[in-house]
Amino acid sequence: MNKSELKVLGVLERVGGFASAQEVYQLLQRGNQSIGLTTVYRALQSLLDDKVVDTLRRDDGEAIYRLCGENHHHHLVCKSCGTTIEIQANAIEKWAQQMASDHGFREVGHTAEIFGICKKC
C-alpha cells in the first residue's frame, strides 16, 4: 500500500462512515496533507479494487466510499440523511448464486443496496 492510500485510509477511519473523494480531499487539506485530488481518486480506486473500501452512489450520482469489514455485506441507505446500516442478506446471496448457476455464470459478485427513508427522517 502506498503513502497516498494510507493517507486516504486514515481519513476514512476517522470519518467512520461514507465520504466522497472531494470530502476526503478536503479533510486531507485541512490536516495539511500534501495530496492532489486526482491522487485521492486513484487511491480510492486502488483501495476499491483491493476490496479495502466499498462504494455507493448518492442520489446525485456521486460515489461515496467507506472502509469494508472482513465479510461481504449489504446496506440499507436512507435517501434523506444518508444513514447507512449493514445488513445480513442470506436470501439475496442464495438467489444470486442460483441465478448465476441457472445461467452458467461463474466467479459471480454482486451488490445490494436497499434505499428508503429511515425512521428518524
PDB file of N, CA and C in Angstrom:
ATOM      1  N   MET A   1       0.849  -1.174   0.000  1.00  0.00           N
ATOM      2  CA  MET A   1       0.000   0.000   0.000  1.00  0.00           C
ATOM      3  C   MET A   1       0.898   1.241   0.000  1.00  0.00           C
ATOM      4  N   ASN A   2       0.586   2.186  -0.888  1.00  0.00           N
ATOM      5  CA  ASN A   2       1.439   3.373  -0.983  1.00  0.00           C
ATOM      6  C   ASN A   2       1.009   4.462   0.010  1.00  0.00           C
ATOM      7  N   LYS A   3       1.810   5.540   0.085  1.00  0.00           N
ATOM      8  CA  LYS A   3       1.564   6.609   1.057  1.00  0.00           C
ATOM      9  C   LYS A   3       0.214   7.280   0.841  1.00  0.00           C
ATOM     10  N   SER A   4      -0.169   7.480  -0.406  1.00  0.00           N
ATOM     11  CA  SER A   4      -1.455   8.134  -0.703  1.00  0.00           C
ATOM     12  C   SER A   4      -2.617   7.284  -0.195  1.00  0.00           C
ATOM     13  N   GLU A   5      -2.534   5.979  -0.426  1.00  0.00           N
ATOM     14  CA  GLU A   5      -3.592   5.085   0.039  1.00  0.00           C
ATOM     15  C   GLU A   5      -3.672   5.092   1.559  1.00  0.00           C
ATOM     16  N   LEU A   6      -2.523   5.134   2.222  1.00  0.00           N
ATOM     17  CA  LEU A   6      -2.520   5.181   3.682  1.00  0.00           C
ATOM     18  C   LEU A   6      -3.151   6.471   4.196  1.00  0.00           C
ATOM     19  N   LYS A   7      -2.883   7.584   3.535  1.00  0.00           N
ATOM     20  CA  LYS A   7      -3.492   8.854   3.926  1.00  0.00           C
ATOM     21  C   LYS A   7      -5.010   8.794   3.777  1.00  0.00           C
ATOM     22  N   VAL A   8      -5.469   8.269   2.657  1.00  0.00           N
ATOM     23  CA  VAL A   8      -6.908   8.154   2.399  1.00  0.00           C
ATOM     24  C   VAL A   8      -7.545   7.214   3.415  1.00  0.00           C
ATOM     25  N   LEU A   9      -6.891   6.092   3.704  1.00  0.00           N
ATOM     26  CA  LEU A   9      -7.399   5.160   4.711  1.00  0.00           C
ATOM     27  C   LEU A   9      -7.539   5.837   6.069  1.00  0.00           C
ATOM     28  N   GLY A  10      -6.561   6.636   6.433  1.00  0.00           N
ATOM     29  CA  GLY A  10      -6.607   7.359   7.708  1.00  0.00           C
ATOM     30  C   GLY A  10      -7.827   8.249   7.805  1.00  0.00           C
ATOM     31  N   VAL A  11      -8.140   8.949   6.722  1.00  0.00           N
ATOM     32  CA  VAL A  11      -9.320   9.820   6.707  1.00  0.00           C
ATOM     33  C   VAL A  11     -10.586   8.990   6.837  1.00  0.00           C
ATOM     34  N   LEU A  12     -10.690   7.914   6.069  1.00  0.00           N
ATOM     35  CA  LEU A  12     -11.897   7.083   6.129  1.00  0.00           C
ATOM     36  C   LEU A  12     -12.079   6.462   7.507  1.00  0.00           C
ATOM     37  N   GLU A  13     -10.993   6.122   8.180  1.00  0.00           N
ATOM     38  CA  GLU A  13     -11.095   5.605   9.546  1.00  0.00           C
ATOM     39  C   GLU A  13     -11.656   6.669  10.483  1.00  0.00           C
ATOM     40  N   ARG A  14     -11.186   7.905  10.342  1.00  0.00           N
ATOM     41  CA  ARG A  14     -11.668   8.993  11.198  1.00  0.00           C
ATOM     42  C   ARG A  14     -13.128   9.325  10.908  1.00  0.00           C
ATOM     43  N   VAL A  15     -13.513   9.292   9.637  1.00  0.00           N
ATOM     44  CA  VAL A  15     -14.893   9.604   9.260  1.00  0.00           C
ATOM     45  C   VAL A  15     -15.837   8.545   9.838  1.00  0.00           C
ATOM     46  N   GLY A  16     -15.438   7.294   9.773  1.00  0.00           N
ATOM     47  CA  GLY A  16     -16.239   6.220  10.340  1.00  0.00           C
ATOM     48  C   GLY A  16     -17.483   5.869   9.551  1.00  0.00           C
ATOM     49  N   GLY A  17     -17.619   6.394   8.362  1.00  0.00           N
ATOM     50  CA  GLY A  17     -18.760   6.104   7.501  1.00  0.00           C
ATOM     51  C   GLY A  17     -18.388   6.433   6.077  1.00  0.00           C
ATOM     52  N   PHE A  18     -19.373   6.804   5.295  1.00  0.00           N
ATOM     53  CA  PHE A  18     -19.130   7.110   3.895  1.00  0.00           C
ATOM     54  C   PHE A  18     -18.654   8.537   3.705  1.00  0.00           C
ATOM     55  N   ALA A  19     -17.760   8.739   2.732  1.00  0.00           N
ATOM     56  CA  ALA A  19     -17.278  10.067   2.353  1.00  0.00           C
ATOM     57  C   ALA A  19     -16.977  10.054   0.857  1.00  0.00           C
ATOM     58  N   SER A  20     -17.211  11.177   0.213  1.00  0.00           N
ATOM     59  CA  SER A  20     -16.889  11.306  -1.210  1.00  0.00           C
ATOM     60  C   SER A  20     -15.398  11.588  -1.371  1.00  0.00           C
ATOM     61  N   ALA A  21     -14.903  11.461  -2.582  1.00  0.00           N
ATOM     62  CA  ALA A  21     -13.499  11.785  -2.864  1.00  0.00           C
ATOM     63  C   ALA A  21     -13.216  13.248  -2.524  1.00  0.00           C
ATOM     64  N   GLN A  22     -14.159  14.133  -2.845  1.00  0.00           N
ATOM     65  CA  GLN A  22     -13.994  15.558  -2.529  1.00  0.00           C
ATOM     66  C   GLN A  22     -13.894  15.775  -1.023  1.00  0.00           C
ATOM     67  N   GLU A  23     -14.738  15.069  -0.257  1.00  0.00           N
ATOM     68  CA  GLU A  23     -14.708  15.203   1.203  1.00  0.00           C
ATOM     69  C   GLU A  23     -13.397  14.681   1.772  1.00  0.00           C
ATOM     70  N   VAL A  24     -12.921  13.547   1.249  1.00  0.00           N
ATOM     71  CA  VAL A  24     -11.629  13.006   1.685  1.00  0.00           C
ATOM     72  C   VAL A  24     -10.530  14.013   1.386  1.00  0.00           C
ATOM     73  N   TYR A  25     -10.550  14.557   0.180  1.00  0.00           N
ATOM     74  CA  TYR A  25      -9.552  15.548  -0.224  1.00  0.00           C
ATOM     75  C   TYR A  25      -9.567  16.771   0.700  1.00  0.00           C
ATOM     76  N   GLN A  26     -10.760  17.293   0.978  1.00  0.00           N
ATOM     77  CA  GLN A  26     -10.867  18.472   1.848  1.00  0.00           C
ATOM     78  C   GLN A  26     -10.349  18.187   3.254  1.00  0.00           C
ATOM     79  N   LEU A  27     -10.652  17.012   3.785  1.00  0.00           N
ATOM     80  CA  LEU A  27     -10.159  16.652   5.115  1.00  0.00           C
ATOM     81  C   LEU A  27      -8.639  16.520   5.126  1.00  0.00           C
ATOM     82  N   LEU A  28      -8.078  15.982   4.062  1.00  0.00           N
ATOM     83  CA  LEU A  28      -6.620  15.892   3.968  1.00  0.00           C
ATOM     84  C   LEU A  28      -6.002  17.286   3.895  1.00  0.00           C
ATOM     85  N   GLN A  29      -6.619  18.189   3.137  1.00  0.00           N
ATOM     86  CA  GLN A  29      -6.099  19.548   3.023  1.00  0.00           C
ATOM     87  C   GLN A  29      -6.146  20.270   4.377  1.00  0.00           C
ATOM     88  N   ARG A  30      -7.245  20.100   5.110  1.00  0.00           N
ATOM     89  CA  ARG A  30      -7.363  20.704   6.445  1.00  0.00           C
ATOM     90  C   ARG A  30      -6.303  20.159   7.396  1.00  0.00           C
ATOM     91  N   GLY A  31      -5.906  18.931   7.185  1.00  0.00           N
ATOM     92  CA  GLY A  31      -4.871  18.313   8.010  1.00  0.00           C
ATOM     93  C   GLY A  31      -3.470  18.569   7.502  1.00  0.00           C
ATOM     94  N   ASN A  32      -3.343  19.508   6.558  1.00  0.00           N
ATOM     95  CA  ASN A  32      -2.057  19.886   5.973  1.00  0.00           C
ATOM     96  C   ASN A  32      -1.342  18.714   5.318  1.00  0.00           C
ATOM     97  N   GLN A  33      -2.111  17.792   4.742  1.00  0.00           N
ATOM     98  CA  GLN A  33      -1.540  16.675   3.998  1.00  0.00           C
ATOM     99  C   GLN A  33      -1.354  17.105   2.549  1.00  0.00           C
ATOM    100  N   SER A  34      -0.204  16.877   2.015  1.00  0.00           N
ATOM    101  CA  SER A  34       0.107  17.238   0.636  1.00  0.00           C
ATOM    102  C   SER A  34      -0.331  16.101  -0.286  1.00  0.00           C
ATOM    103  N   ILE A  35      -1.477  16.305  -0.946  1.00  0.00           N
ATOM    104  CA  ILE A  35      -2.008  15.298  -1.858  1.00  0.00           C
ATOM    105  C   ILE A  35      -2.974  15.996  -2.810  1.00  0.00           C
ATOM    106  N   GLY A  36      -2.964  15.593  -4.062  1.00  0.00           N
ATOM    107  CA  GLY A  36      -3.854  16.184  -5.047  1.00  0.00           C
ATOM    108  C   GLY A  36      -5.162  15.422  -5.151  1.00  0.00           C
ATOM    109  N   LEU A  37      -6.181  16.066  -5.667  1.00  0.00           N
ATOM    110  CA  LEU A  37      -7.494  15.436  -5.811  1.00  0.00           C
ATOM    111  C   LEU A  37      -7.423  14.217  -6.730  1.00  0.00           C
ATOM    112  N   THR A  38      -6.672  14.307  -7.816  1.00  0.00           N
ATOM    113  CA  THR A  38      -6.527  13.169  -8.724  1.00  0.00           C
ATOM    114  C   THR A  38      -5.900  11.985  -8.007  1.00  0.00           C
ATOM    115  N   THR A  39      -4.947  12.248  -7.144  1.00  0.00           N
ATOM    116  CA  THR A  39      -4.300  11.189  -6.374  1.00  0.00           C
ATOM    117  C   THR A  39      -5.289  10.547  -5.407  1.00  0.00           C
ATOM    118  N   VAL A  40      -6.176  11.352  -4.823  1.00  0.00           N
ATOM    119  CA  VAL A  40      -7.214  10.810  -3.936  1.00  0.00           C
ATOM    120  C   VAL A  40      -8.109   9.857  -4.722  1.00  0.00           C
ATOM    121  N   TYR A  41      -8.535  10.274  -5.915  1.00  0.00           N
ATOM    122  CA  TYR A  41      -9.367   9.401  -6.750  1.00  0.00           C
ATOM    123  C   TYR A  41      -8.638   8.098  -7.085  1.00  0.00           C
ATOM    124  N   ARG A  42      -7.360   8.193  -7.444  1.00  0.00           N
ATOM    125  CA  ARG A  42      -6.584   6.993  -7.768  1.00  0.00           C
ATOM    126  C   ARG A  42      -6.446   6.072  -6.558  1.00  0.00           C
ATOM    127  N   ALA A  43      -6.187   6.661  -5.399  1.00  0.00           N
ATOM    128  CA  ALA A  43      -6.039   5.871  -4.170  1.00  0.00           C
ATOM    129  C   ALA A  43      -7.352   5.167  -3.838  1.00  0.00           C
ATOM    130  N   LEU A  44      -8.473   5.879  -3.954  1.00  0.00           N
ATOM    131  CA  LEU A  44      -9.771   5.273  -3.678  1.00  0.00           C
ATOM    132  C   LEU A  44     -10.056   4.130  -4.646  1.00  0.00           C
ATOM    133  N   GLN A  45      -9.721   4.314  -5.919  1.00  0.00           N
ATOM    134  CA  GLN A  45      -9.959   3.254  -6.901  1.00  0.00           C
ATOM    135  C   GLN A  45      -9.101   2.026  -6.595  1.00  0.00           C
ATOM    136  N   SER A  46      -7.865   2.254  -6.226  1.00  0.00           N
ATOM    137  CA  SER A  46      -6.975   1.144  -5.874  1.00  0.00           C
ATOM    138  C   SER A  46      -7.494   0.407  -4.638  1.00  0.00           C
ATOM    139  N   LEU A  47      -7.938   1.153  -3.627  1.00  0.00           N
ATOM    140  CA  LEU A  47      -8.486   0.544  -2.416  1.00  0.00           C
ATOM    141  C   LEU A  47      -9.785  -0.196  -2.713  1.00  0.00           C
ATOM    142  N   LEU A  48     -10.560   0.324  -3.653  1.00  0.00           N
ATOM    143  CA  LEU A  48     -11.791  -0.348  -4.083  1.00  0.00           C
ATOM    144  C   LEU A  48     -11.447  -1.648  -4.806  1.00  0.00           C
ATOM    145  N   ASP A  49     -10.471  -1.596  -5.708  1.00  0.00           N
ATOM    146  CA  ASP A  49     -10.035  -2.792  -6.440  1.00  0.00           C
ATOM    147  C   ASP A  49      -9.520  -3.876  -5.493  1.00  0.00           C
ATOM    148  N   ASP A  50      -8.855  -3.442  -4.425  1.00  0.00           N
ATOM    149  CA  ASP A  50      -8.299  -4.381  -3.439  1.00  0.00           C
ATOM    150  C   ASP A  50      -9.326  -4.789  -2.384  1.00  0.00           C
ATOM    151  N   LYS A  51     -10.562  -4.290  -2.527  1.00  0.00           N
ATOM    152  CA  LYS A  51     -11.662  -4.605  -1.609  1.00  0.00           C
ATOM    153  C   LYS A  51     -11.397  -4.150  -0.177  1.00  0.00           C
ATOM    154  N   VAL A  52     -10.641  -3.055  -0.049  1.00  0.00           N
ATOM    155  CA  VAL A  52     -10.393  -2.452   1.252  1.00  0.00           C
ATOM    156  C   VAL A  52     -11.504  -1.462   1.578  1.00  0.00           C
ATOM    157  N   VAL A  53     -12.070  -0.833   0.537  1.00  0.00           N
ATOM    158  CA  VAL A  53     -13.210   0.063   0.695  1.00  0.00           C
ATOM    159  C   VAL A  53     -14.350  -0.434  -0.188  1.00  0.00           C
ATOM    160  N   ASP A  54     -15.548   0.003   0.163  1.00  0.00           N
ATOM    161  CA  ASP A  54     -16.679  -0.242  -0.726  1.00  0.00           C
ATOM    162  C   ASP A  54     -17.290   1.095  -1.078  1.00  0.00           C
ATOM    163  N   THR A  55     -18.198   1.080  -2.033  1.00  0.00           N
ATOM    164  CA  THR A  55     -18.737   2.323  -2.558  1.00  0.00           C
ATOM    165  C   THR A  55     -20.232   2.216  -2.787  1.00  0.00           C
ATOM    166  N   LEU A  56     -20.875   3.345  -2.679  1.00  0.00           N
ATOM    167  CA  LEU A  56     -22.287   3.525  -3.034  1.00  0.00           C
ATOM    168  C   LEU A  56     -22.377   4.763  -3.903  1.00  0.00           C
ATOM    169  N   ARG A  57     -23.528   4.980  -4.495  1.00  0.00           N
ATOM    170  CA  ARG A  57     -23.777   6.218  -5.245  1.00  0.00           C
ATOM    171  C   ARG A  57     -24.890   6.975  -4.556  1.00  0.00           C
ATOM    172  N   ARG A  58     -24.666   8.258  -4.329  1.00  0.00           N
ATOM    173  CA  ARG A  58     -25.722   9.118  -3.803  1.00  0.00           C
ATOM    174  C   ARG A  58     -26.764   9.326  -4.890  1.00  0.00           C
ATOM    175  N   ASP A  59     -27.912   9.892  -4.514  1.00  0.00           N
ATOM    176  CA  ASP A  59     -28.964  10.161  -5.492  1.00  0.00           C
ATOM    177  C   ASP A  59     -28.465  11.027  -6.648  1.00  0.00           C
ATOM    178  N   ASP A  60     -27.506  11.917  -6.366  1.00  0.00           N
ATOM    179  CA  ASP A  60     -26.978  12.791  -7.422  1.00  0.00           C
ATOM    180  C   ASP A  60     -25.928  12.086  -8.283  1.00  0.00           C
ATOM    181  N   GLY A  61     -25.638  10.809  -7.980  1.00  0.00           N
ATOM    182  CA  GLY A  61     -24.689  10.042  -8.775  1.00  0.00           C
ATOM    183  C   GLY A  61     -23.268  10.054  -8.257  1.00  0.00           C
ATOM    184  N   GLU A  62     -22.982  10.889  -7.257  1.00  0.00           N
ATOM    185  CA  GLU A  62     -21.622  10.961  -6.724  1.00  0.00           C
ATOM    186  C   GLU A  62     -21.290   9.691  -5.950  1.00  0.00           C
ATOM    187  N   ALA A  63     -20.104   9.156  -6.192  1.00  0.00           N
ATOM    188  CA  ALA A  63     -19.647   7.959  -5.472  1.00  0.00           C
ATOM    189  C   ALA A  63     -19.194   8.358  -4.077  1.00  0.00           C
ATOM    190  N   ILE A  64     -19.557   7.528  -3.091  1.00  0.00           N
ATOM    191  CA  ILE A  64     -19.082   7.704  -1.730  1.00  0.00           C
ATOM    192  C   ILE A  64     -18.437   6.395  -1.292  1.00  0.00           C
ATOM    193  N   TYR A  65     -17.447   6.490  -0.412  1.00  0.00           N
ATOM    194  CA  TYR A  65     -16.605   5.361  -0.059  1.00  0.00           C
ATOM    195  C   TYR A  65     -16.529   5.201   1.455  1.00  0.00           C
ATOM    196  N   ARG A  66     -16.304   3.957   1.907  1.00  0.00           N
ATOM    197  CA  ARG A  66     -16.002   3.700   3.310  1.00  0.00           C
ATOM    198  C   ARG A  66     -15.217   2.406   3.422  1.00  0.00           C
ATOM    199  N   LEU A  67     -14.599   2.235   4.581  1.00  0.00           N
ATOM    200  CA  LEU A  67     -13.831   1.017   4.827  1.00  0.00           C
ATOM    201  C   LEU A  67     -14.757  -0.181   4.857  1.00  0.00           C
ATOM    202  N   CYS A  68     -14.297  -1.276   4.299  1.00  0.00           N
ATOM    203  CA  CYS A  68     -15.051  -2.533   4.318  1.00  0.00           C
ATOM    204  C   CYS A  68     -14.751  -3.290   5.593  1.00  0.00           C
ATOM    205  N   GLY A  69     -15.731  -4.097   5.992  1.00  0.00           N
ATOM    206  CA  GLY A  69     -15.486  -5.078   7.029  1.00  0.00           C
ATOM    207  C   GLY A  69     -14.811  -6.283   6.393  1.00  0.00           C
ATOM    208  N   GLU A  70     -14.631  -7.324   7.161  1.00  0.00           N
ATOM    209  CA  GLU A  70     -13.989  -8.528   6.658  1.00  0.00           C
ATOM    210  C   GLU A  70     -14.876  -9.302   5.691  1.00  0.00           C
ATOM    211  N   ASN A  71     -16.196  -9.240   5.884  1.00  0.00           N
ATOM    212  CA  ASN A  71     -17.117 -10.057   5.107  1.00  0.00           C
ATOM    213  C   ASN A  71     -17.854  -9.231   4.064  1.00  0.00           C
ATOM    214  N   HIS A  72     -18.335  -9.924   3.054  1.00  0.00           N
ATOM    215  CA  HIS A  72     -19.217  -9.325   2.063  1.00  0.00           C
ATOM    216  C   HIS A  72     -20.481  -8.853   2.788  1.00  0.00           C
ATOM    217  N   HIS A  73     -21.005  -7.696   2.442  1.00  0.00           N
ATOM    218  CA  HIS A  73     -22.171  -7.202   3.141  1.00  0.00           C
ATOM    219  C   HIS A  73     -23.033  -6.337   2.244  1.00  0.00           C
ATOM    220  N   HIS A  74     -24.207  -6.036   2.731  1.00  0.00           N
ATOM    221  CA  HIS A  74     -25.193  -5.233   2.019  1.00  0.00           C
ATOM    222  C   HIS A  74     -25.623  -4.095   2.932  1.00  0.00           C
ATOM    223  N   HIS A  75     -26.354  -3.120   2.359  1.00  0.00           N
ATOM    224  CA  HIS A  75     -26.703  -1.937   3.136  1.00  0.00           C
ATOM    225  C   HIS A  75     -28.161  -1.529   2.972  1.00  0.00           C
ATOM    226  N   LEU A  76     -28.702  -0.938   4.042  1.00  0.00           N
ATOM    227  CA  LEU A  76     -29.911  -0.129   3.981  1.00  0.00           C
ATOM    228  C   LEU A  76     -29.411   1.313   3.985  1.00  0.00           C
ATOM    229  N   VAL A  77     -29.908   2.144   3.077  1.00  0.00           N
ATOM    230  CA  VAL A  77     -29.416   3.517   2.963  1.00  0.00           C
ATOM    231  C   VAL A  77     -30.596   4.479   2.978  1.00  0.00           C
ATOM    232  N   CYS A  78     -30.553   5.466   3.883  1.00  0.00           N
ATOM    233  CA  CYS A  78     -31.607   6.480   3.931  1.00  0.00           C
ATOM    234  C   CYS A  78     -31.380   7.502   2.815  1.00  0.00           C
ATOM    235  N   LYS A  79     -32.397   7.703   1.987  1.00  0.00           N
ATOM    236  CA  LYS A  79     -32.299   8.654   0.868  1.00  0.00           C
ATOM    237  C   LYS A  79     -32.326  10.092   1.364  1.00  0.00           C
ATOM    238  N   SER A  80     -32.771  10.303   2.596  1.00  0.00           N
ATOM    239  CA  SER A  80     -32.880  11.657   3.121  1.00  0.00           C
ATOM    240  C   SER A  80     -31.592  12.115   3.814  1.00  0.00           C
ATOM    241  N   CYS A  81     -31.136  11.339   4.816  1.00  0.00           N
ATOM    242  CA  CYS A  81     -29.977  11.779   5.605  1.00  0.00           C
ATOM    243  C   CYS A  81     -28.693  11.024   5.299  1.00  0.00           C
ATOM    244  N   GLY A  82     -28.787   9.927   4.535  1.00  0.00           N
ATOM    245  CA  GLY A  82     -27.598   9.167   4.181  1.00  0.00           C
ATOM    246  C   GLY A  82     -27.179   8.122   5.194  1.00  0.00           C
ATOM    247  N   THR A  83     -27.934   7.975   6.295  1.00  0.00           N
ATOM    248  CA  THR A  83     -27.617   6.928   7.263  1.00  0.00           C
ATOM    249  C   THR A  83     -27.533   5.601   6.543  1.00  0.00           C
ATOM    250  N   THR A  84     -26.494   4.821   6.858  1.00  0.00           N
ATOM    251  CA  THR A  84     -26.269   3.536   6.206  1.00  0.00           C
ATOM    252  C   THR A  84     -26.090   2.462   7.263  1.00  0.00           C
ATOM    253  N   ILE A  85     -26.802   1.357   7.090  1.00  0.00           N
ATOM    254  CA  ILE A  85     -26.750   0.250   8.037  1.00  0.00           C
ATOM    255  C   ILE A  85     -26.380  -1.011   7.268  1.00  0.00           C
ATOM    256  N   GLU A  86     -25.357  -1.726   7.757  1.00  0.00           N
ATOM    257  CA  GLU A  86     -25.015  -3.017   7.163  1.00  0.00           C
ATOM    258  C   GLU A  86     -26.066  -4.031   7.574  1.00  0.00           C
ATOM    259  N   ILE A  87     -26.472  -4.875   6.621  1.00  0.00           N
ATOM    260  CA  ILE A  87     -27.467  -5.899   6.912  1.00  0.00           C
ATOM    261  C   ILE A  87     -26.977  -7.255   6.416  1.00  0.00           C
ATOM    262  N   GLN A  88     -27.488  -8.309   7.022  1.00  0.00           N
ATOM    263  CA  GLN A  88     -27.269  -9.664   6.537  1.00  0.00           C
ATOM    264  C   GLN A  88     -28.324  -9.932   5.475  1.00  0.00           C
ATOM    265  N   ALA A  89     -27.948 -10.548   4.399  1.00  0.00           N
ATOM    266  CA  ALA A  89     -28.886 -10.787   3.300  1.00  0.00           C
ATOM    267  C   ALA A  89     -28.675 -12.186   2.734  1.00  0.00           C
ATOM    268  N   ASN A  90     -28.865 -13.181   3.571  1.00  0.00           N
ATOM    269  CA  ASN A  90     -28.636 -14.556   3.151  1.00  0.00           C
ATOM    270  C   ASN A  90     -29.519 -14.942   1.972  1.00  0.00           C
ATOM    271  N   ALA A  91     -30.765 -14.476   1.958  1.00  0.00           N
ATOM    272  CA  ALA A  91     -31.668 -14.808   0.854  1.00  0.00           C
ATOM    273  C   ALA A  91     -31.138 -14.242  -0.466  1.00  0.00           C
ATOM    274  N   ILE A  92     -30.570 -13.032  -0.427  1.00  0.00           N
ATOM    275  CA  ILE A  92     -30.007 -12.421  -1.639  1.00  0.00           C
ATOM    276  C   ILE A  92     -28.801 -13.224  -2.105  1.00  0.00           C
ATOM    277  N   GLU A  93     -27.968 -13.656  -1.166  1.00  0.00           N
ATOM    278  CA  GLU A  93     -26.787 -14.459  -1.513  1.00  0.00           C
ATOM    279  C   GLU A  93     -27.204 -15.731  -2.239  1.00  0.00           C
ATOM    280  N   LYS A  94     -28.177 -16.441  -1.679  1.00  0.00           N
ATOM    281  CA  LYS A  94     -28.649 -17.696  -2.285  1.00  0.00           C
ATOM    282  C   LYS A  94     -29.258 -17.430  -3.653  1.00  0.00           C
ATOM    283  N   TRP A  95     -30.070 -16.388  -3.760  1.00  0.00           N
ATOM    284  CA  TRP A  95     -30.717 -16.043  -5.031  1.00  0.00           C
ATOM    285  C   TRP A  95     -29.659 -15.729  -6.090  1.00  0.00           C
ATOM    286  N   ALA A  96     -28.650 -14.916  -5.744  1.00  0.00           N
ATOM    287  CA  ALA A  96     -27.610 -14.542  -6.710  1.00  0.00           C
ATOM    288  C   ALA A  96     -26.852 -15.778  -7.201  1.00  0.00           C
ATOM    289  N   GLN A  97     -26.508 -16.663  -6.291  1.00  0.00           N
ATOM    290  CA  GLN A  97     -25.809 -17.887  -6.683  1.00  0.00           C
ATOM    291  C   GLN A  97     -26.679 -18.770  -7.574  1.00  0.00           C
ATOM    292  N   GLN A  98     -27.962 -18.864  -7.241  1.00  0.00           N
ATOM    293  CA  GLN A  98     -28.871 -19.689  -8.045  1.00  0.00           C
ATOM    294  C   GLN A  98     -29.032 -19.111  -9.455  1.00  0.00           C
ATOM    295  N   MET A  99     -29.212 -17.790  -9.561  1.00  0.00           N
ATOM    296  CA  MET A  99     -29.359 -17.147 -10.870  1.00  0.00           C
ATOM    297  C   MET A  99     -28.098 -17.360 -11.705  1.00  0.00           C
ATOM    298  N   ALA A 100     -26.938 -17.190 -11.085  1.00  0.00           N
ATOM    299  CA  ALA A 100     -25.679 -17.387 -11.795  1.00  0.00           C
ATOM    300  C   ALA A 100     -25.566 -18.830 -12.288  1.00  0.00           C
ATOM    301  N   SER A 101     -25.871 -19.763 -11.415  1.00  0.00           N
ATOM    302  CA  SER A 101     -25.805 -21.181 -11.772  1.00  0.00           C
ATOM    303  C   SER A 101     -26.777 -21.517 -12.899  1.00  0.00           C
ATOM    304  N   ASP A 102     -27.997 -21.021 -12.785  1.00  0.00           N
ATOM    305  CA  ASP A 102     -29.019 -21.281 -13.800  1.00  0.00           C
ATOM    306  C   ASP A 102     -28.603 -20.800 -15.182  1.00  0.00           C
ATOM    307  N   HIS A 103     -27.787 -19.751 -15.222  1.00  0.00           N
ATOM    308  CA  HIS A 103     -27.391 -19.161 -16.498  1.00  0.00           C
ATOM    309  C   HIS A 103     -25.944 -19.446 -16.864  1.00  0.00           C
ATOM    310  N   GLY A 104     -25.302 -20.354 -16.112  1.00  0.00           N
ATOM    311  CA  GLY A 104     -23.953 -20.781 -16.456  1.00  0.00           C
ATOM    312  C   GLY A 104     -22.856 -19.769 -16.146  1.00  0.00           C
ATOM    313  N   PHE A 105     -23.084 -18.867 -15.196  1.00  0.00           N
ATOM    314  CA  PHE A 105     -22.068 -17.896 -14.820  1.00  0.00           C
ATOM    315  C   PHE A 105     -21.219 -18.444 -13.680  1.00  0.00           C
ATOM    316  N   ARG A 106     -19.961 -18.006 -13.628  1.00  0.00           N
ATOM    317  CA  ARG A 106     -19.073 -18.370 -12.531  1.00  0.00           C
ATOM    318  C   ARG A 106     -18.326 -17.118 -12.090  1.00  0.00           C
ATOM    319  N   GLU A 107     -17.591 -17.222 -10.979  1.00  0.00           N
ATOM    320  CA  GLU A 107     -16.875 -16.078 -10.404  1.00  0.00           C
ATOM    321  C   GLU A 107     -17.812 -14.888 -10.263  1.00  0.00           C
ATOM    322  N   VAL A 108     -18.940 -15.127  -9.637  1.00  0.00           N
ATOM    323  CA  VAL A 108     -20.015 -14.144  -9.548  1.00  0.00           C
ATOM    324  C   VAL A 108     -19.836 -13.234  -8.340  1.00  0.00           C
ATOM    325  N   GLY A 109     -20.090 -11.964  -8.532  1.00  0.00           N
ATOM    326  CA  GLY A 109     -20.151 -10.984  -7.447  1.00  0.00           C
ATOM    327  C   GLY A 109     -21.416 -10.175  -7.605  1.00  0.00           C
ATOM    328  N   HIS A 110     -21.773  -9.453  -6.584  1.00  0.00           N
ATOM    329  CA  HIS A 110     -22.962  -8.604  -6.662  1.00  0.00           C
ATOM    330  C   HIS A 110     -22.925  -7.569  -5.556  1.00  0.00           C
ATOM    331  N   THR A 111     -23.788  -6.582  -5.688  1.00  0.00           N
ATOM    332  CA  THR A 111     -24.014  -5.626  -4.614  1.00  0.00           C
ATOM    333  C   THR A 111     -25.516  -5.511  -4.422  1.00  0.00           C
ATOM    334  N   ALA A 112     -25.920  -5.216  -3.203  1.00  0.00           N
ATOM    335  CA  ALA A 112     -27.343  -4.992  -2.929  1.00  0.00           C
ATOM    336  C   ALA A 112     -27.450  -3.840  -1.948  1.00  0.00           C
ATOM    337  N   GLU A 113     -28.006  -2.770  -2.409  1.00  0.00           N
ATOM    338  CA  GLU A 113     -28.238  -1.599  -1.573  1.00  0.00           C
ATOM    339  C   GLU A 113     -29.740  -1.339  -1.583  1.00  0.00           C
ATOM    340  N   ILE A 114     -30.336  -1.262  -0.416  1.00  0.00           N
ATOM    341  CA  ILE A 114     -31.768  -1.030  -0.301  1.00  0.00           C
ATOM    342  C   ILE A 114     -31.950   0.410   0.169  1.00  0.00           C
ATOM    343  N   PHE A 115     -32.641   1.218  -0.635  1.00  0.00           N
ATOM    344  CA  PHE A 115     -32.819   2.630  -0.344  1.00  0.00           C
ATOM    345  C   PHE A 115     -34.222   2.897   0.171  1.00  0.00           C
ATOM    346  N   GLY A 116     -34.325   3.782   1.126  1.00  0.00           N
ATOM    347  CA  GLY A 116     -35.616   4.187   1.690  1.00  0.00           C
ATOM    348  C   GLY A 116     -35.411   5.381   2.597  1.00  0.00           C
ATOM    349  N   ILE A 117     -36.407   5.662   3.409  1.00  0.00           N
ATOM    350  CA  ILE A 117     -36.328   6.761   4.368  1.00  0.00           C
ATOM    351  C   ILE A 117     -36.290   6.147   5.766  1.00  0.00           C
ATOM    352  N   CYS A 118     -35.281   6.507   6.567  1.00  0.00           N
ATOM    353  CA  CYS A 118     -35.141   5.926   7.904  1.00  0.00           C
ATOM    354  C   CYS A 118     -36.181   6.476   8.867  1.00  0.00           C
ATOM    355  N   LYS A 119     -36.326   5.831  10.026  1.00  0.00           N
ATOM    356  CA  LYS A 119     -37.356   6.227  10.981  1.00  0.00           C
ATOM    357  C   LYS A 119     -37.111   7.612  11.572  1.00  0.00           C
ATOM    358  N   LYS A 120     -35.867   8.100  11.590  1.00  0.00           N
ATOM    359  CA  LYS A 120     -35.579   9.432  12.101  1.00  0.00           C
ATOM    360  C   LYS A 120     -36.037  10.526  11.140  1.00  0.00           C
ATOM    361  N   CYS A 121     -36.079  10.200   9.863  1.00  0.00           N
ATOM    362  CA  CYS A 121     -36.486  11.177   8.835  1.00  0.00           C
ATOM    363  C   CYS A 121     -37.978  11.076   8.587  1.00  0.00           C
TER     364      CYS A 121
END
